[in-house]
Amino acid sequence: MAERLVGKLAPDFDMASVSGDGKEFGRVKLSDYRGKWLVFFFYPLDFTFVCPTEITALSEAYEEFKSLDTEVLGVSVDSEHSHKAWINTPKDSNGLGQLNFPLASDITKSVARDYGVLIEEEGVALRGLFIIDPEGELKYQVVNHNDVGRSVEETLRVLQALQSGGLCAMNWKPGDKTLNG
């Protein structure tokens, strides 16, 4: 049985990365996001089919996340060089094009393992999405089979519910009352 992560401090990380414009290599650490919310998501591999639909949808919604004091970070087990090549490949050639957030490289697979999304026998991550609060506590996680993409709309809804500070009923939406207020 996997260890529960929600309600605990998010596992730390320090990974090589490439900027969303595909120009600069760097490093990203969990501590870089202290004081902000973070949508941290894993995808299986670069140059695949479902992944670009999710990554570009999250990038297109980036301003909405930013308005909620939230950063976005994507990660796979590919190298930062592969990420750079994918960002710099045109969309009509199975590329991503420029993004509004960085992609990180978990080439050692240790971060995917720490977050409980590594498929050991395949050496790739499941589609795991985590919301981490400004103090570093993991507040939400959803893990999908790799055949099914995630919903940006649902991620935004859950983020806003978490930020409301209230008890949010099923299908709560921004503007709805919380159960305790």
N, C-alpha and C. Protein backbone atom coordinates (compact mmCIF):
# COMPACT_ATOMS: atom_id res chain seq x y z
N MET A 1 0.84 -1.19 0.00
CA MET A 1 0.00 0.00 0.00
C MET A 1 0.89 1.25 0.00
N ALA A 2 0.56 2.20 -0.86
CA ALA A 2 1.36 3.42 -0.97
C ALA A 2 1.18 4.29 0.27
N GLU A 3 2.24 4.98 0.62
CA GLU A 3 2.20 5.89 1.75
C GLU A 3 1.33 7.10 1.40
N ARG A 4 0.54 7.54 2.36
CA ARG A 4 -0.30 8.72 2.17
C ARG A 4 0.57 9.97 2.15
N LEU A 5 0.33 10.83 1.16
CA LEU A 5 1.08 12.08 1.04
C LEU A 5 0.25 13.30 1.40
N VAL A 6 -1.05 13.27 1.09
CA VAL A 6 -1.91 14.42 1.35
C VAL A 6 -1.95 14.71 2.85
N GLY A 7 -1.79 15.99 3.17
CA GLY A 7 -1.78 16.41 4.57
C GLY A 7 -0.40 16.42 5.18
N LYS A 8 0.60 15.97 4.45
CA LYS A 8 1.99 15.97 4.92
C LYS A 8 2.79 16.96 4.10
N LEU A 9 4.00 17.25 4.57
CA LEU A 9 4.89 18.08 3.77
C LEU A 9 5.20 17.34 2.47
N ALA A 10 5.17 18.07 1.38
CA ALA A 10 5.47 17.47 0.08
C ALA A 10 6.92 17.00 0.05
N PRO A 11 7.19 15.86 -0.57
CA PRO A 11 8.58 15.40 -0.70
C PRO A 11 9.41 16.46 -1.42
N ASP A 12 10.58 16.71 -0.89
CA ASP A 12 11.48 17.72 -1.45
C ASP A 12 11.99 17.26 -2.80
N PHE A 13 12.40 18.20 -3.63
CA PHE A 13 13.03 17.86 -4.90
C PHE A 13 14.00 18.95 -5.31
N ASP A 14 14.95 18.57 -6.14
CA ASP A 14 15.93 19.47 -6.75
C ASP A 14 16.28 18.82 -8.08
N MET A 15 15.79 19.41 -9.18
CA MET A 15 15.94 18.78 -10.49
C MET A 15 16.46 19.77 -11.53
N ALA A 16 17.14 19.23 -12.53
CA ALA A 16 17.51 20.03 -13.70
C ALA A 16 16.22 20.40 -14.42
N SER A 17 16.23 21.55 -15.11
CA SER A 17 15.03 22.00 -15.80
C SER A 17 15.39 22.82 -17.03
N VAL A 18 14.36 23.10 -17.81
CA VAL A 18 14.48 24.01 -18.94
C VAL A 18 13.33 25.00 -18.84
N SER A 19 13.62 26.25 -19.16
CA SER A 19 12.59 27.28 -19.12
C SER A 19 11.51 26.99 -20.16
N GLY A 20 10.34 27.54 -19.94
CA GLY A 20 9.22 27.31 -20.83
C GLY A 20 9.43 27.81 -22.25
N ASP A 21 10.35 28.76 -22.42
CA ASP A 21 10.63 29.24 -23.77
C ASP A 21 11.67 28.37 -24.47
N GLY A 22 12.17 27.34 -23.75
CA GLY A 22 13.12 26.40 -24.34
C GLY A 22 14.51 26.97 -24.55
N LYS A 23 14.85 28.04 -23.84
CA LYS A 23 16.14 28.69 -24.06
C LYS A 23 17.17 28.45 -22.96
N GLU A 24 16.72 28.33 -21.72
CA GLU A 24 17.66 28.29 -20.60
C GLU A 24 17.51 27.04 -19.75
N PHE A 25 18.66 26.44 -19.44
CA PHE A 25 18.68 25.35 -18.48
C PHE A 25 18.84 25.94 -17.09
N GLY A 26 18.35 25.23 -16.10
CA GLY A 26 18.48 25.67 -14.71
C GLY A 26 18.18 24.51 -13.79
N ARG A 27 17.83 24.86 -12.57
CA ARG A 27 17.43 23.88 -11.56
C ARG A 27 16.16 24.39 -10.90
N VAL A 28 15.31 23.48 -10.50
CA VAL A 28 14.12 23.83 -9.74
C VAL A 28 14.12 23.01 -8.46
N LYS A 29 13.77 23.68 -7.38
CA LYS A 29 13.67 23.04 -6.07
C LYS A 29 12.30 23.36 -5.50
N LEU A 30 11.81 22.49 -4.65
CA LEU A 30 10.54 22.76 -3.99
C LEU A 30 10.60 24.09 -3.26
N SER A 31 11.72 24.39 -2.63
CA SER A 31 11.86 25.63 -1.86
C SER A 31 11.71 26.88 -2.73
N ASP A 32 11.92 26.76 -4.05
CA ASP A 32 11.73 27.90 -4.96
C ASP A 32 10.28 28.38 -4.95
N TYR A 33 9.37 27.51 -4.56
CA TYR A 33 7.95 27.81 -4.63
C TYR A 33 7.36 28.16 -3.26
N ARG A 34 8.20 28.24 -2.26
CA ARG A 34 7.74 28.60 -0.91
C ARG A 34 7.02 29.95 -0.97
N GLY A 35 5.88 30.04 -0.32
CA GLY A 35 5.13 31.28 -0.30
C GLY A 35 4.11 31.38 -1.43
N LYS A 36 4.10 30.40 -2.33
CA LYS A 36 3.12 30.35 -3.43
C LYS A 36 2.51 28.96 -3.47
N TRP A 37 1.37 28.86 -4.08
CA TRP A 37 0.79 27.56 -4.37
C TRP A 37 1.52 26.98 -5.56
N LEU A 38 1.57 25.65 -5.65
CA LEU A 38 2.22 24.99 -6.77
C LEU A 38 1.35 23.85 -7.29
N VAL A 39 1.09 23.88 -8.60
CA VAL A 39 0.51 22.73 -9.29
C VAL A 39 1.69 22.01 -9.91
N PHE A 40 1.97 20.82 -9.38
CA PHE A 40 3.15 20.03 -9.74
C PHE A 40 2.64 18.76 -10.40
N PHE A 41 2.97 18.57 -11.68
CA PHE A 41 2.40 17.42 -12.37
C PHE A 41 3.46 16.59 -13.08
N PHE A 42 3.22 15.29 -13.08
CA PHE A 42 4.07 14.32 -13.78
C PHE A 42 3.36 13.87 -15.04
N TYR A 43 4.13 13.64 -16.08
CA TYR A 43 3.62 13.03 -17.30
C TYR A 43 4.63 11.97 -17.72
N PRO A 44 4.21 10.97 -18.51
CA PRO A 44 5.09 9.83 -18.78
C PRO A 44 6.36 10.15 -19.56
N LEU A 45 6.22 10.71 -20.77
CA LEU A 45 7.39 10.91 -21.63
C LEU A 45 7.17 12.06 -22.60
N ASP A 46 8.26 12.68 -23.02
CA ASP A 46 8.24 13.68 -24.08
C ASP A 46 7.90 12.99 -25.41
N PHE A 47 7.45 13.77 -26.36
CA PHE A 47 7.16 13.32 -27.72
C PHE A 47 6.14 12.17 -27.75
N THR A 48 5.14 12.27 -26.89
CA THR A 48 4.07 11.28 -26.88
C THR A 48 2.78 11.97 -27.31
N PHE A 49 1.63 11.31 -27.12
CA PHE A 49 0.40 11.79 -27.73
C PHE A 49 -0.55 12.52 -26.78
N VAL A 50 -0.82 11.99 -25.61
CA VAL A 50 -1.73 12.64 -24.67
C VAL A 50 -1.02 13.79 -23.96
N CYS A 51 0.24 13.61 -23.65
CA CYS A 51 1.00 14.59 -22.86
C CYS A 51 0.94 16.02 -23.40
N PRO A 52 1.14 16.23 -24.72
CA PRO A 52 1.13 17.62 -25.17
C PRO A 52 -0.23 18.28 -25.01
N THR A 53 -1.31 17.51 -25.04
CA THR A 53 -2.64 18.11 -24.86
C THR A 53 -2.77 18.67 -23.45
N GLU A 54 -2.24 17.94 -22.47
CA GLU A 54 -2.30 18.40 -21.08
C GLU A 54 -1.36 19.57 -20.85
N ILE A 55 -0.12 19.44 -21.30
CA ILE A 55 0.89 20.45 -21.03
C ILE A 55 0.50 21.78 -21.67
N THR A 56 0.05 21.75 -22.92
CA THR A 56 -0.33 23.00 -23.57
C THR A 56 -1.60 23.58 -22.95
N ALA A 57 -2.54 22.76 -22.52
CA ALA A 57 -3.75 23.26 -21.85
C ALA A 57 -3.38 23.95 -20.53
N LEU A 58 -2.48 23.36 -19.77
CA LEU A 58 -2.03 24.00 -18.52
C LEU A 58 -1.31 25.31 -18.83
N SER A 59 -0.51 25.32 -19.89
CA SER A 59 0.20 26.53 -20.27
C SER A 59 -0.78 27.63 -20.69
N GLU A 60 -1.81 27.25 -21.44
CA GLU A 60 -2.81 28.23 -21.87
C GLU A 60 -3.59 28.81 -20.68
N ALA A 61 -3.71 28.04 -19.61
CA ALA A 61 -4.42 28.50 -18.40
C ALA A 61 -3.49 29.15 -17.39
N TYR A 62 -2.22 29.31 -17.75
CA TYR A 62 -1.22 29.79 -16.79
C TYR A 62 -1.61 31.12 -16.14
N GLU A 63 -2.15 32.05 -16.90
CA GLU A 63 -2.52 33.36 -16.31
C GLU A 63 -3.59 33.19 -15.24
N GLU A 64 -4.50 32.24 -15.43
CA GLU A 64 -5.51 31.97 -14.40
C GLU A 64 -4.84 31.44 -13.13
N PHE A 65 -3.88 30.52 -13.30
CA PHE A 65 -3.15 30.01 -12.14
C PHE A 65 -2.38 31.13 -11.46
N LYS A 66 -1.71 31.94 -12.26
CA LYS A 66 -0.91 33.05 -11.71
C LYS A 66 -1.80 34.01 -10.92
N SER A 67 -3.01 34.28 -11.41
CA SER A 67 -3.92 35.18 -10.70
C SER A 67 -4.35 34.59 -9.35
N LEU A 68 -4.16 33.29 -9.18
CA LEU A 68 -4.47 32.61 -7.92
C LEU A 68 -3.20 32.38 -7.10
N ASP A 69 -2.14 33.14 -7.40
CA ASP A 69 -0.86 33.05 -6.69
C ASP A 69 -0.29 31.64 -6.75
N THR A 70 -0.40 31.04 -7.95
CA THR A 70 -0.01 29.65 -8.14
C THR A 70 0.95 29.53 -9.30
N GLU A 71 1.99 28.74 -9.10
CA GLU A 71 2.94 28.42 -10.17
C GLU A 71 2.64 27.00 -10.66
N VAL A 72 3.15 26.68 -11.83
CA VAL A 72 2.95 25.37 -12.44
C VAL A 72 4.32 24.81 -12.79
N LEU A 73 4.51 23.51 -12.56
CA LEU A 73 5.76 22.84 -12.90
C LEU A 73 5.44 21.44 -13.40
N GLY A 74 5.93 21.13 -14.62
CA GLY A 74 5.78 19.80 -15.18
C GLY A 74 7.07 19.03 -15.06
N VAL A 75 6.95 17.69 -14.98
CA VAL A 75 8.14 16.85 -14.83
C VAL A 75 7.90 15.48 -15.47
N SER A 76 8.94 14.96 -16.09
CA SER A 76 8.94 13.58 -16.57
C SER A 76 10.33 13.01 -16.34
N VAL A 77 10.50 11.75 -16.71
CA VAL A 77 11.79 11.09 -16.51
C VAL A 77 12.76 11.37 -17.66
N ASP A 78 12.34 12.19 -18.63
CA ASP A 78 13.23 12.57 -19.73
C ASP A 78 14.26 13.59 -19.24
N SER A 79 15.32 13.77 -20.02
CA SER A 79 16.34 14.76 -19.68
C SER A 79 15.86 16.16 -20.00
N GLU A 80 16.50 17.14 -19.41
CA GLU A 80 16.19 18.53 -19.72
C GLU A 80 16.50 18.85 -21.19
N HIS A 81 17.42 18.10 -21.80
CA HIS A 81 17.74 18.29 -23.22
C HIS A 81 16.59 17.81 -24.10
N SER A 82 15.97 16.70 -23.72
CA SER A 82 14.79 16.22 -24.43
C SER A 82 13.65 17.22 -24.29
N HIS A 83 13.45 17.75 -23.08
CA HIS A 83 12.41 18.77 -22.85
C HIS A 83 12.64 19.98 -23.76
N LYS A 84 13.90 20.43 -23.83
CA LYS A 84 14.23 21.59 -24.66
C LYS A 84 13.90 21.30 -26.13
N ALA A 85 14.28 20.13 -26.60
CA ALA A 85 14.01 19.76 -27.99
C ALA A 85 12.50 19.73 -28.24
N TRP A 86 11.72 19.21 -27.29
CA TRP A 86 10.27 19.11 -27.47
C TRP A 86 9.63 20.50 -27.49
N ILE A 87 10.07 21.40 -26.60
CA ILE A 87 9.56 22.77 -26.59
C ILE A 87 9.89 23.48 -27.90
N ASN A 88 11.09 23.22 -28.42
CA ASN A 88 11.53 23.89 -29.64
C ASN A 88 11.07 23.22 -30.93
N THR A 89 10.29 22.14 -30.81
CA THR A 89 9.70 21.48 -31.97
C THR A 89 8.32 22.09 -32.20
N PRO A 90 8.01 22.49 -33.43
CA PRO A 90 6.69 23.08 -33.71
C PRO A 90 5.55 22.11 -33.37
N LYS A 91 4.42 22.67 -32.99
CA LYS A 91 3.25 21.86 -32.62
C LYS A 91 2.81 20.94 -33.75
N ASP A 92 2.90 21.42 -35.00
CA ASP A 92 2.47 20.58 -36.12
C ASP A 92 3.43 19.44 -36.43
N SER A 93 4.54 19.39 -35.70
CA SER A 93 5.50 18.28 -35.83
C SER A 93 5.59 17.49 -34.52
N ASN A 94 4.48 17.45 -33.75
CA ASN A 94 4.40 16.75 -32.47
C ASN A 94 5.23 17.42 -31.38
N GLY A 95 5.47 18.72 -31.51
CA GLY A 95 6.19 19.46 -30.48
C GLY A 95 5.22 20.21 -29.58
N LEU A 96 5.80 20.86 -28.58
CA LEU A 96 4.99 21.64 -27.63
C LEU A 96 4.86 23.10 -28.02
N GLY A 97 5.92 23.65 -28.60
CA GLY A 97 5.97 25.10 -28.72
C GLY A 97 6.28 25.68 -27.36
N GLN A 98 6.33 26.99 -27.27
CA GLN A 98 6.71 27.65 -26.02
C GLN A 98 5.64 27.48 -24.95
N LEU A 99 6.12 27.35 -23.72
CA LEU A 99 5.25 27.17 -22.55
C LEU A 99 5.40 28.35 -21.61
N ASN A 100 4.47 28.48 -20.70
CA ASN A 100 4.52 29.54 -19.69
C ASN A 100 5.09 29.09 -18.36
N PHE A 101 5.64 27.89 -18.31
CA PHE A 101 6.25 27.35 -17.09
C PHE A 101 7.35 26.39 -17.49
N PRO A 102 8.26 26.10 -16.57
CA PRO A 102 9.37 25.19 -16.89
C PRO A 102 8.97 23.71 -16.86
N LEU A 103 9.82 22.90 -17.48
CA LEU A 103 9.71 21.44 -17.38
C LEU A 103 10.97 20.95 -16.68
N ALA A 104 10.79 20.05 -15.73
CA ALA A 104 11.90 19.51 -14.95
C ALA A 104 12.20 18.08 -15.36
N SER A 105 13.44 17.68 -15.13
CA SER A 105 13.92 16.35 -15.49
C SER A 105 14.13 15.50 -14.24
N ASP A 106 13.38 14.43 -14.14
CA ASP A 106 13.54 13.46 -13.06
C ASP A 106 14.21 12.21 -13.64
N ILE A 107 15.36 12.43 -14.25
CA ILE A 107 16.03 11.35 -14.96
C ILE A 107 16.43 10.19 -14.03
N THR A 108 16.64 10.49 -12.74
CA THR A 108 16.97 9.44 -11.78
C THR A 108 15.72 8.69 -11.29
N LYS A 109 14.55 9.22 -11.61
CA LYS A 109 13.25 8.66 -11.24
C LYS A 109 12.98 8.74 -9.74
N SER A 110 13.83 9.43 -8.99
CA SER A 110 13.67 9.48 -7.54
C SER A 110 12.48 10.34 -7.10
N VAL A 111 12.19 11.40 -7.84
CA VAL A 111 11.07 12.26 -7.46
C VAL A 111 9.75 11.55 -7.75
N ALA A 112 9.64 10.92 -8.92
CA ALA A 112 8.43 10.14 -9.23
C ALA A 112 8.22 9.05 -8.18
N ARG A 113 9.29 8.42 -7.76
CA ARG A 113 9.21 7.38 -6.72
C ARG A 113 8.74 8.00 -5.40
N ASP A 114 9.31 9.15 -5.02
CA ASP A 114 8.93 9.82 -3.77
C ASP A 114 7.46 10.23 -3.75
N TYR A 115 6.94 10.59 -4.93
CA TYR A 115 5.54 11.01 -5.02
C TYR A 115 4.60 9.84 -5.32
N GLY A 116 5.16 8.63 -5.40
CA GLY A 116 4.33 7.43 -5.55
C GLY A 116 3.73 7.24 -6.93
N VAL A 117 4.34 7.81 -7.98
CA VAL A 117 3.77 7.70 -9.32
C VAL A 117 4.65 6.93 -10.30
N LEU A 118 5.78 6.42 -9.86
CA LEU A 118 6.68 5.71 -10.76
C LEU A 118 6.17 4.31 -11.06
N ILE A 119 6.08 3.97 -12.33
CA ILE A 119 5.81 2.59 -12.74
C ILE A 119 7.18 1.95 -12.89
N GLU A 120 7.62 1.26 -11.86
CA GLU A 120 8.99 0.74 -11.80
C GLU A 120 9.36 -0.09 -13.02
N GLU A 121 8.47 -1.02 -13.41
CA GLU A 121 8.82 -1.94 -14.50
C GLU A 121 8.90 -1.24 -15.86
N GLU A 122 8.29 -0.07 -16.00
CA GLU A 122 8.36 0.67 -17.26
C GLU A 122 9.35 1.83 -17.19
N GLY A 123 9.68 2.27 -15.99
CA GLY A 123 10.60 3.39 -15.82
C GLY A 123 10.02 4.74 -16.18
N VAL A 124 8.67 4.85 -16.15
CA VAL A 124 8.00 6.13 -16.42
C VAL A 124 7.01 6.43 -15.31
N ALA A 125 6.58 7.69 -15.26
CA ALA A 125 5.61 8.11 -14.25
C ALA A 125 4.20 7.98 -14.77
N LEU A 126 3.28 7.71 -13.85
CA LEU A 126 1.86 7.86 -14.14
C LEU A 126 1.54 9.35 -14.24
N ARG A 127 0.35 9.69 -14.67
CA ARG A 127 -0.09 11.07 -14.72
C ARG A 127 -0.51 11.50 -13.32
N GLY A 128 0.45 11.95 -12.53
CA GLY A 128 0.18 12.42 -11.18
C GLY A 128 0.14 13.93 -11.14
N LEU A 129 -0.86 14.49 -10.46
CA LEU A 129 -0.97 15.93 -10.29
C LEU A 129 -1.13 16.22 -8.81
N PHE A 130 -0.33 17.17 -8.32
CA PHE A 130 -0.29 17.49 -6.90
C PHE A 130 -0.44 19.00 -6.72
N ILE A 131 -1.22 19.39 -5.72
CA ILE A 131 -1.31 20.80 -5.36
C ILE A 131 -0.65 20.95 -4.00
N ILE A 132 0.34 21.82 -3.96
CA ILE A 132 1.14 22.06 -2.75
C ILE A 132 0.88 23.49 -2.30
N ASP A 133 0.60 23.67 -1.01
CA ASP A 133 0.28 25.01 -0.51
C ASP A 133 1.55 25.83 -0.26
N PRO A 134 1.41 27.12 0.07
CA PRO A 134 2.58 27.99 0.23
C PRO A 134 3.55 27.57 1.35
N GLU A 135 3.07 26.75 2.29
CA GLU A 135 3.95 26.27 3.37
C GLU A 135 4.60 24.94 3.04
N GLY A 136 4.29 24.38 1.87
CA GLY A 136 4.90 23.12 1.45
C GLY A 136 4.08 21.89 1.77
N GLU A 137 2.85 22.07 2.25
CA GLU A 137 2.00 20.92 2.56
C GLU A 137 1.29 20.46 1.29
N LEU A 138 1.30 19.16 1.07
CA LEU A 138 0.62 18.59 -0.07
C LEU A 138 -0.88 18.52 0.27
N LYS A 139 -1.68 19.25 -0.49
CA LYS A 139 -3.11 19.37 -0.20
C LYS A 139 -3.99 18.49 -1.08
N TYR A 140 -3.48 18.08 -2.24
CA TYR A 140 -4.33 17.36 -3.19
C TYR A 140 -3.46 16.54 -4.10
N GLN A 141 -3.95 15.35 -4.44
CA GLN A 141 -3.27 14.55 -5.45
C GLN A 141 -4.30 13.76 -6.22
N VAL A 142 -4.03 13.62 -7.51
CA VAL A 142 -4.84 12.77 -8.36
C VAL A 142 -3.86 12.06 -9.28
N VAL A 143 -4.08 10.76 -9.46
CA VAL A 143 -3.20 9.96 -10.30
C VAL A 143 -4.06 9.22 -11.31
N ASN A 144 -3.74 9.41 -12.58
CA ASN A 144 -4.50 8.79 -13.67
C ASN A 144 -3.67 7.72 -14.35
N HIS A 145 -4.38 6.80 -15.01
CA HIS A 145 -3.75 5.88 -15.95
C HIS A 145 -3.18 6.74 -17.08
N ASN A 146 -2.10 6.31 -17.68
CA ASN A 146 -1.45 7.13 -18.69
C ASN A 146 -2.24 7.32 -19.98
N ASP A 147 -3.31 6.55 -20.16
CA ASP A 147 -4.14 6.71 -21.35
C ASP A 147 -5.11 7.88 -21.25
N VAL A 148 -5.29 8.45 -20.04
CA VAL A 148 -6.33 9.45 -19.82
C VAL A 148 -5.72 10.76 -19.32
N GLY A 149 -6.02 11.83 -20.04
CA GLY A 149 -5.53 13.16 -19.65
C GLY A 149 -6.34 13.73 -18.51
N ARG A 150 -5.76 14.73 -17.87
CA ARG A 150 -6.40 15.39 -16.72
C ARG A 150 -7.16 16.63 -17.17
N SER A 151 -7.92 17.22 -16.24
CA SER A 151 -8.76 18.37 -16.53
C SER A 151 -8.18 19.64 -15.89
N VAL A 152 -7.87 20.63 -16.72
CA VAL A 152 -7.41 21.92 -16.20
C VAL A 152 -8.53 22.57 -15.40
N GLU A 153 -9.75 22.47 -15.90
CA GLU A 153 -10.90 23.06 -15.22
C GLU A 153 -11.06 22.49 -13.81
N GLU A 154 -10.93 21.19 -13.66
CA GLU A 154 -11.05 20.56 -12.34
C GLU A 154 -9.88 20.96 -11.44
N THR A 155 -8.69 21.06 -12.01
CA THR A 155 -7.53 21.49 -11.22
C THR A 155 -7.75 22.89 -10.68
N LEU A 156 -8.25 23.80 -11.51
CA LEU A 156 -8.54 25.17 -11.06
C LEU A 156 -9.63 25.17 -10.00
N ARG A 157 -10.66 24.36 -10.18
CA ARG A 157 -11.76 24.30 -9.21
C ARG A 157 -11.26 23.83 -7.85
N VAL A 158 -10.45 22.76 -7.85
CA VAL A 158 -9.93 22.23 -6.59
C VAL A 158 -8.98 23.25 -5.94
N LEU A 159 -8.13 23.88 -6.73
CA LEU A 159 -7.22 24.90 -6.19
C LEU A 159 -8.01 26.01 -5.51
N GLN A 160 -9.06 26.50 -6.16
CA GLN A 160 -9.85 27.57 -5.57
C GLN A 160 -10.60 27.08 -4.33
N ALA A 161 -11.04 25.84 -4.32
CA ALA A 161 -11.69 25.28 -3.13
C ALA A 161 -10.71 25.24 -1.97
N LEU A 162 -9.49 24.78 -2.25
CA LEU A 162 -8.47 24.73 -1.20
C LEU A 162 -8.15 26.14 -0.69
N GLN A 163 -8.07 27.09 -1.59
CA GLN A 163 -7.75 28.46 -1.21
C GLN A 163 -8.89 29.15 -0.48
N SER A 164 -10.12 28.63 -0.59
CA SER A 164 -11.27 29.25 0.06
C SER A 164 -11.18 29.16 1.58
N GLY A 165 -10.46 28.16 2.07
CA GLY A 165 -10.34 27.98 3.51
C GLY A 165 -11.58 27.38 4.15
N GLY A 166 -12.57 27.07 3.36
CA GLY A 166 -13.81 26.52 3.90
C GLY A 166 -13.98 25.05 3.60
N LEU A 167 -15.10 24.53 4.05
CA LEU A 167 -15.48 23.16 3.74
C LEU A 167 -16.30 23.20 2.46
N CYS A 168 -15.82 22.58 1.43
CA CYS A 168 -16.44 22.68 0.11
C CYS A 168 -17.14 21.38 -0.25
N ALA A 169 -18.43 21.48 -0.50
CA ALA A 169 -19.23 20.32 -0.86
C ALA A 169 -18.86 19.82 -2.25
N MET A 170 -19.35 18.63 -2.58
CA MET A 170 -19.16 18.08 -3.92
C MET A 170 -19.66 19.08 -4.96
N ASN A 171 -18.90 19.21 -6.05
CA ASN A 171 -19.22 20.11 -7.15
C ASN A 171 -19.19 21.59 -6.76
N TRP A 172 -18.59 21.92 -5.61
CA TRP A 172 -18.42 23.33 -5.22
C TRP A 172 -17.73 24.07 -6.36
N LYS A 173 -18.16 25.29 -6.59
CA LYS A 173 -17.54 26.16 -7.59
C LYS A 173 -17.25 27.51 -6.96
N PRO A 174 -16.25 28.22 -7.48
CA PRO A 174 -15.99 29.57 -6.97
C PRO A 174 -17.26 30.41 -6.98
N GLY A 175 -17.52 31.08 -5.86
CA GLY A 175 -18.73 31.87 -5.71
C GLY A 175 -19.79 31.16 -4.87
N ASP A 176 -19.71 29.82 -4.82
CA ASP A 176 -20.63 29.06 -3.97
C ASP A 176 -20.24 29.24 -2.51
N LYS A 177 -21.23 29.12 -1.63
CA LYS A 177 -20.94 29.18 -0.21
C LYS A 177 -20.24 27.91 0.22
N THR A 178 -19.39 28.03 1.22
CA THR A 178 -18.79 26.84 1.82
C THR A 178 -19.74 26.35 2.90
N LEU A 179 -19.56 25.13 3.34
CA LEU A 179 -20.45 24.55 4.34
C LEU A 179 -20.31 25.21 5.71
N ASN A 180 -19.18 25.89 5.92
CA ASN A 180 -18.97 26.55 7.20
C ASN A 180 -18.98 28.06 7.05
N GLY A 181 -19.62 28.57 6.01
CA GLY A 181 -19.67 30.04 5.88
C GLY A 181 -20.30 30.41 4.65
